[in-house]
C-alpha atoms as a PDB file:
ATOM      1  CA  MET A   1     249.598 105.063   9.161  1.00  0.00           C
ATOM      2  CA  ASN A   2     252.540 107.552  10.487  1.00  0.00           C
ATOM      3  CA  VAL A   3     249.869 109.897  11.736  1.00  0.00           C
ATOM      4  CA  ASP A   4     248.220 111.809  14.611  1.00  0.00           C
ATOM      5  CA  PRO A   5     244.427 112.170  14.198  1.00  0.00           C
ATOM      6  CA  ALA A   6     245.074 115.262  16.758  1.00  0.00           C
ATOM      7  CA  GLU A   7     247.667 116.914  14.785  1.00  0.00           C
ATOM      8  CA  LEU A   8     245.404 116.664  11.533  1.00  0.00           C
ATOM      9  CA  ALA A   9     242.165 118.003  13.291  1.00  0.00           C
ATOM     10  CA  LYS A  10     244.419 120.610  14.527  1.00  0.00           C
ATOM     11  CA  PHE A  11     245.938 122.164  11.540  1.00  0.00           C
ATOM     12  CA  SER A  12     242.373 121.284   9.468  1.00  0.00           C
ATOM     13  CA  GLU A  13     240.599 123.663  12.026  1.00  0.00           C
ATOM     14  CA  LEU A  14     243.139 126.807  11.174  1.00  0.00           C
ATOM     15  CA  ALA A  15     243.220 125.901   7.574  1.00  0.00           C
ATOM     16  CA  HIS A  16     241.217 128.751   6.630  1.00  0.00           C
ATOM     17  CA  HIS A  17     244.210 130.912   7.483  1.00  0.00           C
ATOM     18  CA  TRP A  18     247.029 129.512   5.974  1.00  0.00           C
ATOM     19  CA  TRP A  19     247.155 132.427   3.297  1.00  0.00           C
ATOM     20  CA  ASP A  20     246.730 135.223   6.053  1.00  0.00           C
ATOM     21  CA  PRO A  21     250.206 136.568   7.099  1.00  0.00           C
ATOM     22  CA  GLU A  22     248.162 137.920  10.398  1.00  0.00           C
ATOM     23  CA  SER A  23     247.214 134.907  11.469  1.00  0.00           C
ATOM     24  CA  GLU A  24     248.670 132.104  13.278  1.00  0.00           C
ATOM     25  CA  PHE A  25     250.305 131.159  10.316  1.00  0.00           C
ATOM     26  CA  ARG A  26     252.628 134.389  10.468  1.00  0.00           C
ATOM     27  CA  PRO A  27     255.516 132.867  12.040  1.00  0.00           C
ATOM     28  CA  LEU A  28     255.716 130.045   8.478  1.00  0.00           C
ATOM     29  CA  HIS A  29     255.420 133.614   6.154  1.00  0.00           C
ATOM     30  CA  GLN A  30     258.184 135.355   8.091  1.00  0.00           C
ATOM     31  CA  ILE A  31     260.432 132.043   8.103  1.00  0.00           C
ATOM     32  CA  ASN A  32     259.861 130.944   4.727  1.00  0.00           C
ATOM     33  CA  PRO A  33     262.161 133.786   2.676  1.00  0.00           C
ATOM     34  CA  LEU A  34     264.865 132.250   5.001  1.00  0.00           C
ATOM     35  CA  ARG A  35     264.250 128.769   4.448  1.00  0.00           C
ATOM     36  CA  LEU A  36     263.897 128.751   0.821  1.00  0.00           C
ATOM     37  CA  ASP A  37     267.415 131.219   0.144  1.00  0.00           C
ATOM     38  CA  TRP A  38     268.917 127.854   2.627  1.00  0.00           C
ATOM     39  CA  ILE A  39     267.537 124.803   0.502  1.00  0.00           C
ATOM     40  CA  ALA A  40     268.031 127.302  -2.872  1.00  0.00           C
ATOM     41  CA  LYS A  41     271.543 128.022  -1.669  1.00  0.00           C
ATOM     42  CA  GLN A  42     272.488 124.113  -1.491  1.00  0.00           C
ATOM     43  CA  ALA A  43     270.122 122.574  -4.196  1.00  0.00           C
ATOM     44  CA  PRO A  44     269.342 123.932  -7.487  1.00  0.00           C
ATOM     45  CA  LEU A  45     265.405 124.764  -7.949  1.00  0.00           C
ATOM     46  CA  ALA A  46     265.198 125.763 -11.365  1.00  0.00           C
ATOM     47  CA  ALA A  47     263.025 124.242 -14.419  1.00  0.00           C
ATOM     48  CA  GLY A  48     263.617 120.786 -14.637  1.00  0.00           C
ATOM     49  CA  GLN A  49     264.592 120.032 -11.094  1.00  0.00           C
ATOM     50  CA  GLN A  50     261.359 117.393  -9.608  1.00  0.00           C
ATOM     51  CA  VAL A  51     261.256 118.786  -5.989  1.00  0.00           C
ATOM     52  CA  LEU A  52     259.041 116.919  -3.223  1.00  0.00           C
ATOM     53  CA  ASP A  53     257.299 119.020  -0.116  1.00  0.00           C
ATOM     54  CA  VAL A  54     256.783 116.447   2.608  1.00  0.00           C
ATOM     55  CA  GLY A  55     253.810 117.877   5.480  1.00  0.00           C
ATOM     56  CA  CYS A  56     253.374 120.996   2.685  1.00  0.00           C
ATOM     57  CA  GLY A  57     250.013 122.052   4.819  1.00  0.00           C
ATOM     58  CA  GLY A  58     248.324 125.219   2.736  1.00  0.00           C
ATOM     59  CA  GLY A  59     251.463 125.266   0.166  1.00  0.00           C
ATOM     60  CA  ILE A  60     253.578 128.012   1.738  1.00  0.00           C
ATOM     61  CA  LEU A  61     257.096 126.628   0.427  1.00  0.00           C
ATOM     62  CA  ALA A  62     256.042 124.619  -2.160  1.00  0.00           C
ATOM     63  CA  GLU A  63     254.913 127.578  -3.954  1.00  0.00           C
ATOM     64  CA  ALA A  64     257.993 129.303  -2.917  1.00  0.00           C
ATOM     65  CA  MET A  65     260.164 126.842  -4.857  1.00  0.00           C
ATOM     66  CA  ALA A  66     257.811 126.496  -7.783  1.00  0.00           C
ATOM     67  CA  ARG A  67     258.483 130.653  -8.424  1.00  0.00           C
ATOM     68  CA  GLN A  68     261.626 129.412  -8.144  1.00  0.00           C
ATOM     69  CA  GLY A  69     261.124 127.144 -11.496  1.00  0.00           C
ATOM     70  CA  ALA A  70     261.038 123.469 -10.344  1.00  0.00           C
ATOM     71  CA  GLU A  71     258.412 121.170 -10.620  1.00  0.00           C
ATOM     72  CA  VAL A  72     256.862 120.941  -7.184  1.00  0.00           C
ATOM     73  CA  LEU A  73     254.740 118.233  -4.971  1.00  0.00           C
ATOM     74  CA  GLY A  74     253.254 119.338  -2.210  1.00  0.00           C
ATOM     75  CA  ILE A  75     251.738 116.348  -0.120  1.00  0.00           C
ATOM     76  CA  ASP A  76     249.747 115.955   3.159  1.00  0.00           C
ATOM     77  CA  LEU A  77     247.421 114.109   5.477  1.00  0.00           C
ATOM     78  CA  ALA A  78     245.254 117.547   6.299  1.00  0.00           C
ATOM     79  CA  THR A  79     242.768 117.610   3.740  1.00  0.00           C
ATOM     80  CA  LYS A  80     241.042 120.944   3.980  1.00  0.00           C
ATOM     81  CA  SER A  81     245.023 122.509   4.283  1.00  0.00           C
ATOM     82  CA  LEU A  82     245.644 120.562   0.747  1.00  0.00           C
ATOM     83  CA  LYS A  83     242.180 121.842  -0.422  1.00  0.00           C
ATOM     84  CA  VAL A  84     243.562 125.790   0.431  1.00  0.00           C
ATOM     85  CA  ALA A  85     246.970 125.093  -1.456  1.00  0.00           C
ATOM     86  CA  GLN A  86     245.123 123.462  -4.350  1.00  0.00           C
ATOM     87  CA  LEU A  87     243.374 126.771  -4.800  1.00  0.00           C
ATOM     88  CA  HIS A  88     245.769 129.228  -4.084  1.00  0.00           C
ATOM     89  CA  ALA A  89     247.929 127.719  -6.481  1.00  0.00           C
ATOM     90  CA  LEU A  90     245.456 128.251  -8.990  1.00  0.00           C
ATOM     91  CA  GLU A  91     244.532 131.866  -7.735  1.00  0.00           C
ATOM     92  CA  SER A  92     248.287 132.579  -8.348  1.00  0.00           C
ATOM     93  CA  GLY A  93     248.316 130.583 -11.917  1.00  0.00           C
ATOM     94  CA  LEU A  94     251.262 128.050 -11.048  1.00  0.00           C
ATOM     95  CA  SER A  95     250.975 125.262 -13.400  1.00  0.00           C
ATOM     96  CA  ASN A  96     254.411 123.646 -12.164  1.00  0.00           C
ATOM     97  CA  ILE A  97     253.004 122.660  -8.715  1.00  0.00           C
ATOM     98  CA  SER A  98     250.684 119.916  -7.923  1.00  0.00           C
ATOM     99  CA  TYR A  99     249.363 118.365  -4.542  1.00  0.00           C
ATOM    100  CA  ARG A 100     248.317 115.188  -3.130  1.00  0.00           C
ATOM    101  CA  GLU A 101     246.654 113.500  -0.440  1.00  0.00           C
ATOM    102  CA  VAL A 102     249.101 110.622   0.442  1.00  0.00           C
ATOM    103  CA  ALA A 103     251.432 109.502   3.369  1.00  0.00           C
ATOM    104  CA  VAL A 104     254.926 110.083   2.226  1.00  0.00           C
ATOM    105  CA  GLU A 105     255.457 106.125   2.937  1.00  0.00           C
ATOM    106  CA  ALA A 106     253.233 105.087   0.263  1.00  0.00           C
ATOM    107  CA  LEU A 107     254.143 107.617  -2.303  1.00  0.00           C
ATOM    108  CA  ALA A 108     257.923 106.426  -1.315  1.00  0.00           C
ATOM    109  CA  ALA A 109     256.968 102.449  -2.107  1.00  0.00           C
ATOM    110  CA  GLU A 110     255.093 104.354  -5.343  1.00  0.00           C
ATOM    111  CA  ARG A 111     257.527 106.507  -6.748  1.00  0.00           C
ATOM    112  CA  PRO A 112     261.138 105.267  -4.965  1.00  0.00           C
ATOM    113  CA  ALA A 113     264.267 107.622  -6.166  1.00  0.00           C
ATOM    114  CA  SER A 114     262.177 109.944  -8.214  1.00  0.00           C
ATOM    115  CA  PHE A 115     263.053 113.698  -6.685  1.00  0.00           C
ATOM    116  CA  ASP A 116     265.786 115.702  -7.218  1.00  0.00           C
ATOM    117  CA  VAL A 117     265.331 117.374  -3.478  1.00  0.00           C
ATOM    118  CA  VAL A 118     262.771 116.852  -1.190  1.00  0.00           C
ATOM    119  CA  THR A 119     261.930 118.911   1.820  1.00  0.00           C
ATOM    120  CA  CYS A 120     259.982 118.064   4.977  1.00  0.00           C
ATOM    121  CA  MET A 121     259.601 121.551   7.182  1.00  0.00           C
ATOM    122  CA  GLU A 122     258.038 121.782  10.868  1.00  0.00           C
ATOM    123  CA  MET A 123     256.764 118.301  10.304  1.00  0.00           C
ATOM    124  CA  LEU A 124     258.526 115.322  11.576  1.00  0.00           C
ATOM    125  CA  GLU A 125     257.656 117.147  15.433  1.00  0.00           C
ATOM    126  CA  HIS A 126     253.566 115.888  14.463  1.00  0.00           C
ATOM    127  CA  VAL A 127     254.204 112.456  13.675  1.00  0.00           C
ATOM    128  CA  PRO A 128     253.808 109.527  16.218  1.00  0.00           C
ATOM    129  CA  ASP A 129     257.035 107.410  14.021  1.00  0.00           C
ATOM    130  CA  PRO A 130     259.608 110.246  12.538  1.00  0.00           C
ATOM    131  CA  ALA A 131     262.526 107.996  12.262  1.00  0.00           C
ATOM    132  CA  SER A 132     259.631 106.211   9.576  1.00  0.00           C
ATOM    133  CA  VAL A 133     259.126 109.522   7.386  1.00  0.00           C
ATOM    134  CA  VAL A 134     263.295 110.101   7.108  1.00  0.00           C
ATOM    135  CA  LYS A 135     263.518 106.718   5.993  1.00  0.00           C
ATOM    136  CA  ALA A 136     260.714 107.696   3.378  1.00  0.00           C
ATOM    137  CA  CYS A 137     262.362 110.678   2.762  1.00  0.00           C
ATOM    138  CA  ALA A 138     265.630 109.192   1.556  1.00  0.00           C
ATOM    139  CA  GLU A 139     263.628 106.329  -0.358  1.00  0.00           C
ATOM    140  CA  LEU A 140     262.237 109.248  -2.139  1.00  0.00           C
ATOM    141  CA  VAL A 141     265.140 111.289  -3.175  1.00  0.00           C
ATOM    142  CA  LYS A 142     267.334 110.227  -6.461  1.00  0.00           C
ATOM    143  CA  PRO A 143     270.852 109.301  -5.832  1.00  0.00           C
ATOM    144  CA  GLY A 144     272.950 112.386  -5.545  1.00  0.00           C
ATOM    145  CA  GLY A 145     270.442 114.688  -4.510  1.00  0.00           C
ATOM    146  CA  TRP A 146     269.076 116.467  -1.552  1.00  0.00           C
ATOM    147  CA  VAL A 147     266.758 115.878   1.295  1.00  0.00           C
ATOM    148  CA  PHE A 148     266.106 119.173   4.145  1.00  0.00           C
ATOM    149  CA  PHE A 149     264.354 118.560   7.279  1.00  0.00           C
ATOM    150  CA  SER A 150     263.544 121.166  10.110  1.00  0.00           C
ATOM    151  CA  THR A 151     261.965 120.516  13.614  1.00  0.00           C
ATOM    152  CA  LEU A 152     262.787 121.787  17.051  1.00  0.00           C
ATOM    153  CA  ASN A 153     265.126 120.815  19.623  1.00  0.00           C
ATOM    154  CA  ARG A 154     264.091 119.017  22.656  1.00  0.00           C
ATOM    155  CA  ASN A 155     265.616 120.807  25.942  1.00  0.00           C
ATOM    156  CA  PRO A 156     264.865 122.975  28.588  1.00  0.00           C
ATOM    157  CA  LYS A 157     265.698 126.117  26.315  1.00  0.00           C
ATOM    158  CA  SER A 158     263.102 125.217  23.431  1.00  0.00           C
ATOM    159  CA  PHE A 159     260.410 124.474  25.553  1.00  0.00           C
ATOM    160  CA  LEU A 160     260.567 128.088  27.325  1.00  0.00           C
ATOM    161  CA  PHE A 161     261.325 129.532  23.731  1.00  0.00           C
ATOM    162  CA  ALA A 162     258.740 127.447  20.948  1.00  0.00           C
ATOM    163  CA  ILE A 163     255.943 126.707  24.050  1.00  0.00           C
ATOM    164  CA  VAL A 164     256.200 128.562  26.819  1.00  0.00           C
ATOM    165  CA  GLY A 165     256.811 131.550  25.004  1.00  0.00           C
ATOM    166  CA  ALA A 166     255.706 131.433  21.490  1.00  0.00           C
ATOM    167  CA  GLU A 167     252.362 130.173  22.619  1.00  0.00           C
ATOM    168  CA  TYR A 168     251.513 131.586  25.560  1.00  0.00           C
ATOM    169  CA  VAL A 169     253.473 134.670  26.459  1.00  0.00           C
ATOM    170  CA  LEU A 170     253.899 136.178  22.629  1.00  0.00           C
ATOM    171  CA  LYS A 171     251.238 134.148  21.160  1.00  0.00           C
ATOM    172  CA  LEU A 172     252.764 133.529  18.196  1.00  0.00           C
ATOM    173  CA  LEU A 173     251.517 130.246  17.731  1.00  0.00           C
ATOM    174  CA  PRO A 174     248.317 128.709  18.885  1.00  0.00           C
ATOM    175  CA  ARG A 175     248.055 127.117  22.513  1.00  0.00           C
ATOM    176  CA  GLY A 176     248.522 123.452  21.752  1.00  0.00           C
ATOM    177  CA  THR A 177     250.877 123.765  18.712  1.00  0.00           C
ATOM    178  CA  HIS A 178     253.295 121.699  19.726  1.00  0.00           C
ATOM    179  CA  GLU A 179     253.962 118.646  22.354  1.00  0.00           C
ATOM    180  CA  PHE A 180     257.215 119.187  24.369  1.00  0.00           C
ATOM    181  CA  ALA A 181     258.210 115.340  24.248  1.00  0.00           C
ATOM    182  CA  LYS A 182     257.625 115.249  20.093  1.00  0.00           C
ATOM    183  CA  PHE A 183     260.480 117.472  20.234  1.00  0.00           C
ATOM    184  CA  ILE A 184     263.494 115.828  18.240  1.00  0.00           C
ATOM    185  CA  LYS A 185     267.324 116.497  19.375  1.00  0.00           C
ATOM    186  CA  PRO A 186     269.697 117.169  16.256  1.00  0.00           C
ATOM    187  CA  SER A 187     271.679 113.997  17.813  1.00  0.00           C
ATOM    188  CA  GLU A 188     268.151 111.651  17.146  1.00  0.00           C
ATOM    189  CA  LEU A 189     267.791 113.620  13.974  1.00  0.00           C
ATOM    190  CA  ALA A 190     271.343 112.590  12.793  1.00  0.00           C
ATOM    191  CA  SER A 191     271.023 109.222  13.996  1.00  0.00           C
ATOM    192  CA  TYR A 192     267.746 108.796  11.618  1.00  0.00           C
ATOM    193  CA  CYS A 193     269.400 109.895   8.593  1.00  0.00           C
ATOM    194  CA  ARG A 194     272.249 107.652   9.194  1.00  0.00           C
ATOM    195  CA  ALA A 195     270.029 104.655   9.428  1.00  0.00           C
ATOM    196  CA  ALA A 196     268.265 105.773   6.301  1.00  0.00           C
ATOM    197  CA  GLY A 197     271.544 106.240   4.306  1.00  0.00           C
ATOM    198  CA  LEU A 198     271.731 110.518   4.383  1.00  0.00           C
ATOM    199  CA  ASP A 199     274.911 112.025   4.936  1.00  0.00           C
ATOM    200  CA  LEU A 200     274.399 114.976   6.871  1.00  0.00           C
ATOM    201  CA  GLN A 201     275.960 118.322   4.432  1.00  0.00           C
ATOM    202  CA  GLY A 202     274.742 121.328   7.409  1.00  0.00           C
ATOM    203  CA  THR A 203     272.582 122.451  10.014  1.00  0.00           C
ATOM    204  CA  ARG A 204     271.391 125.942  10.530  1.00  0.00           C
ATOM    205  CA  GLY A 205     269.636 127.146  13.932  1.00  0.00           C
ATOM    206  CA  MET A 206     266.851 129.718  13.778  1.00  0.00           C
ATOM    207  CA  GLU A 207     266.361 132.325  16.191  1.00  0.00           C
ATOM    208  CA  TYR A 208     263.822 135.904  17.239  1.00  0.00           C
ATOM    209  CA  ASN A 209     263.760 138.471  18.327  1.00  0.00           C
ATOM    210  CA  PRO A 210     260.143 139.729  20.325  1.00  0.00           C
ATOM    211  CA  LEU A 211     261.414 143.535  20.310  1.00  0.00           C
ATOM    212  CA  THR A 212     262.057 144.106  16.789  1.00  0.00           C
ATOM    213  CA  LYS A 213     259.678 140.793  15.870  1.00  0.00           C
ATOM    214  CA  ARG A 214     262.654 139.223  12.871  1.00  0.00           C
ATOM    215  CA  TYR A 215     264.022 136.290  12.394  1.00  0.00           C
ATOM    216  CA  TRP A 216     267.683 135.254  11.290  1.00  0.00           C
ATOM    217  CA  LEU A 217     269.826 131.913  10.918  1.00  0.00           C
ATOM    218  CA  SER A 218     272.382 131.219  13.079  1.00  0.00           C
ATOM    219  CA  GLY A 219     274.729 128.475  13.909  1.00  0.00           C
ATOM    220  CA  ASP A 220     272.164 128.272  17.469  1.00  0.00           C
ATOM    221  CA  THR A 221     270.480 124.917  17.154  1.00  0.00           C
ATOM    222  CA  SER A 222     269.014 124.417  20.447  1.00  0.00           C
ATOM    223  CA  VAL A 223     265.668 125.603  19.550  1.00  0.00           C
ATOM    224  CA  ASN A 224     264.582 125.802  15.821  1.00  0.00           C
ATOM    225  CA  PHE A 225     267.239 123.934  13.634  1.00  0.00           C
ATOM    226  CA  MET A 226     267.585 122.476  10.251  1.00  0.00           C
ATOM    227  CA  PHE A 227     269.255 119.544   8.477  1.00  0.00           C
ATOM    228  CA  ALA A 228     270.921 119.473   4.796  1.00  0.00           C
ATOM    229  CA  THR A 229     271.375 115.699   3.512  1.00  0.00           C
ATOM    230  CA  ARG A 230     272.302 114.304   0.607  1.00  0.00           C
ATOM    231  CA  LYS A 231     272.073 110.915  -0.798  1.00  0.00           C
ATOM    232  CA  PRO A 232     275.599 109.198  -2.110  1.00  0.00           C
ATOM    233  CA  ALA A 233     275.404 108.887  -5.742  1.00  0.00           C
END
């Protein structure tokens, strides 16, 4: 299975903090509106749309997309995180969202070409074989559908910002959240997408100002970056 047990254990230990906006997951809460807006501007998330969130964790993005009206399925392999996601969706009264503990490759074999939109955010840098995840996402989306990815670039600047700065200096994330060797260059992700039959439609970077504590999207993909891809109809 394409999973790192140490990564699962890491996020399982923090599972009860997923929905605390002042916890270790504060950055995810802060960037979620930016990600959601960027996705929604390119792919409809309205009622009738089938959406899959790969590596959904506690469900922060999955719930936001469900609130747009789409039918959302969130998948992950971290049991505790999924239980937190399920409980929060229940408490929120959302009937158009569900969760499953299943590998994306297994779901692709079970339900090919089933989703209008597939999202895979902040997940590729945590698995042994990111190309396998990209391929599975491509198999899961319908022809003409959209697949969105976000991850971290691999270069000296991203090491300084995403690990030294975020984990050690500013303490935005727990130490050990990221492993630099697993970061992915945009050229590498683009190669995975091409091999999977996905056409790159657009890219965005995400920046952070530690003084104002504000995030924003830009054209700078040197640290955090997102891809919008589409499967040919």
